[in-house]
Amino acid sequence: MWEEIVPLGYQGSYQRVRAYFREKRLSPGPVTARPPSPRVVAGWILRRPETLTETEHLRLKAVLVHCPELDALTGHVRSFGQMLTERQGERLPQLARCRPARRPPRSPHPRRRHRP
């Protein structure tokens, strides 16, 4: 690396470059939050929105931004839940007509059938 940056105008020593990269290699990587599990996300979607904490609401929002299909599903689940809790059975035919415009993509790892 030192040989590459000297022609670009670097005036420091080889040892300084070596020490810099050694420190970078040995320092821990940036701490990132683990993504929530599918079970946790499903729990957030199935609960009433007003019962979510601020943190749960923000984390769910971050998940839904990256997956439009899951965002649409969340809308359907919430609508269905409202229909049930407010006893709005007359809305059922309208909700039944809400179908996805296209088929969701297939998983790259389809499940194998268990054969006895």
Protein backbone atom coordinates (compact mmCIF):
# COMPACT_ATOMS: atom_id res chain seq x y z
CA MET A 1 0.00 0.00 0.00
CA TRP A 2 2.83 2.34 0.87
CA GLU A 3 4.29 1.89 -2.61
CA GLU A 4 0.93 2.93 -4.09
CA ILE A 5 0.39 6.09 -2.04
CA VAL A 6 3.93 7.56 -2.17
CA PRO A 7 3.58 8.49 -5.88
CA LEU A 8 0.30 10.19 -4.96
CA GLY A 9 2.14 12.54 -2.60
CA TYR A 10 2.20 10.69 0.74
CA GLN A 11 5.28 11.74 2.70
CA GLY A 12 4.92 9.55 5.78
CA SER A 13 6.99 6.50 6.61
CA TYR A 14 6.35 2.87 5.79
CA GLN A 15 6.07 2.08 9.53
CA ARG A 16 3.29 4.65 9.97
CA VAL A 17 1.22 3.04 7.17
CA ARG A 18 1.91 -0.41 8.61
CA ALA A 19 0.84 0.69 12.12
CA TYR A 20 -2.33 2.27 10.73
CA PHE A 21 -3.43 -0.92 8.99
CA ARG A 22 -2.49 -3.09 11.95
CA GLU A 23 -4.73 -0.97 14.16
CA LYS A 24 -7.58 -1.21 11.64
CA ARG A 25 -7.23 -4.99 11.43
CA LEU A 26 -7.20 -5.51 15.18
CA SER A 27 -9.93 -3.05 16.13
CA PRO A 28 -13.43 -4.48 16.42
CA GLY A 29 -15.81 -3.77 13.58
CA PRO A 30 -18.65 -1.30 13.92
CA VAL A 31 -21.44 -2.46 16.18
CA THR A 32 -24.63 -2.95 14.24
CA ALA A 33 -27.99 -4.06 15.53
CA ARG A 34 -29.06 -7.53 14.55
CA PRO A 35 -32.12 -7.57 12.32
CA PRO A 36 -35.28 -8.68 14.10
CA SER A 37 -36.32 -12.29 13.67
CA PRO A 38 -39.34 -13.14 11.48
CA ARG A 39 -41.23 -14.12 14.65
CA VAL A 40 -40.61 -10.70 16.22
CA VAL A 41 -41.68 -8.87 13.04
CA ALA A 42 -44.83 -11.01 12.81
CA GLY A 43 -45.60 -10.11 16.43
CA TRP A 44 -45.25 -6.42 15.66
CA ILE A 45 -47.56 -6.73 12.65
CA LEU A 46 -50.21 -8.72 14.51
CA ARG A 47 -50.33 -6.43 17.55
CA ARG A 48 -52.40 -3.29 17.68
CA PRO A 49 -50.23 -0.37 16.50
CA GLU A 50 -50.99 1.67 19.63
CA THR A 51 -49.54 -1.07 21.86
CA LEU A 52 -46.11 -0.96 20.18
CA THR A 53 -43.38 0.93 21.96
CA GLU A 54 -41.68 3.78 20.12
CA THR A 55 -38.63 1.58 19.51
CA GLU A 56 -40.73 -1.31 18.17
CA HIS A 57 -42.64 1.07 15.92
CA LEU A 58 -39.42 2.51 14.48
CA ARG A 59 -37.86 -0.93 13.96
CA LEU A 60 -41.01 -2.20 12.23
CA LYS A 61 -41.02 0.88 10.02
CA ALA A 62 -37.39 0.19 9.07
CA VAL A 63 -38.28 -3.38 8.09
CA LEU A 64 -41.32 -2.31 6.05
CA VAL A 65 -39.29 0.28 4.11
CA HIS A 66 -37.13 -2.52 2.72
CA CYS A 67 -39.98 -4.90 1.81
CA PRO A 68 -43.00 -3.45 -0.03
CA GLU A 69 -44.78 -6.82 -0.01
CA LEU A 70 -44.57 -6.99 3.76
CA ASP A 71 -45.74 -3.38 3.97
CA ALA A 72 -48.83 -4.24 1.89
CA LEU A 73 -49.45 -7.33 4.03
CA THR A 74 -49.27 -5.19 7.17
CA GLY A 75 -52.00 -2.95 5.78
CA HIS A 76 -54.22 -5.96 5.05
CA VAL A 77 -53.64 -7.48 8.50
CA ARG A 78 -54.41 -4.20 10.25
CA SER A 79 -57.53 -3.69 8.16
CA PHE A 80 -58.72 -7.21 8.93
CA GLY A 81 -58.01 -6.75 12.63
CA GLN A 82 -59.99 -3.50 12.67
CA MET A 83 -62.84 -5.21 10.87
CA LEU A 84 -62.93 -7.96 13.51
CA THR A 85 -62.62 -5.77 16.59
CA GLU A 86 -65.17 -3.22 15.37
CA ARG A 87 -67.53 -5.92 14.06
CA GLN A 88 -67.59 -4.61 10.51
CA GLY A 89 -68.48 -7.88 8.78
CA GLU A 90 -69.99 -6.01 5.84
CA ARG A 91 -66.42 -5.09 4.81
CA LEU A 92 -65.41 -8.74 4.35
CA PRO A 93 -66.25 -8.92 0.59
CA GLN A 94 -64.22 -5.74 0.02
CA LEU A 95 -61.27 -7.15 1.94
CA ALA A 96 -61.51 -10.46 0.07
CA ARG A 97 -61.07 -8.61 -3.25
CA CYS A 98 -57.72 -7.17 -2.11
CA ARG A 99 -55.30 -9.50 -3.84
CA PRO A 100 -51.68 -8.90 -4.69
CA ALA A 101 -51.08 -7.62 -8.21
CA ARG A 102 -48.46 -10.26 -8.82
CA ARG A 103 -47.26 -13.46 -7.28
CA PRO A 104 -44.54 -13.00 -4.65
CA PRO A 105 -41.05 -14.11 -5.67
CA ARG A 106 -40.08 -17.69 -4.91
CA SER A 107 -37.61 -18.39 -2.18
CA PRO A 108 -34.08 -19.20 -3.40
CA HIS A 109 -34.12 -22.15 -1.00
CA PRO A 110 -37.40 -24.01 -1.45
CA ARG A 111 -38.31 -26.33 1.37
CA ARG A 112 -37.87 -29.97 0.70
CA ARG A 113 -40.70 -32.32 1.33
CA HIS A 114 -40.21 -34.82 4.06
CA ARG A 115 -40.79 -38.33 2.79
CA PRO A 116 -41.12 -41.12 5.32
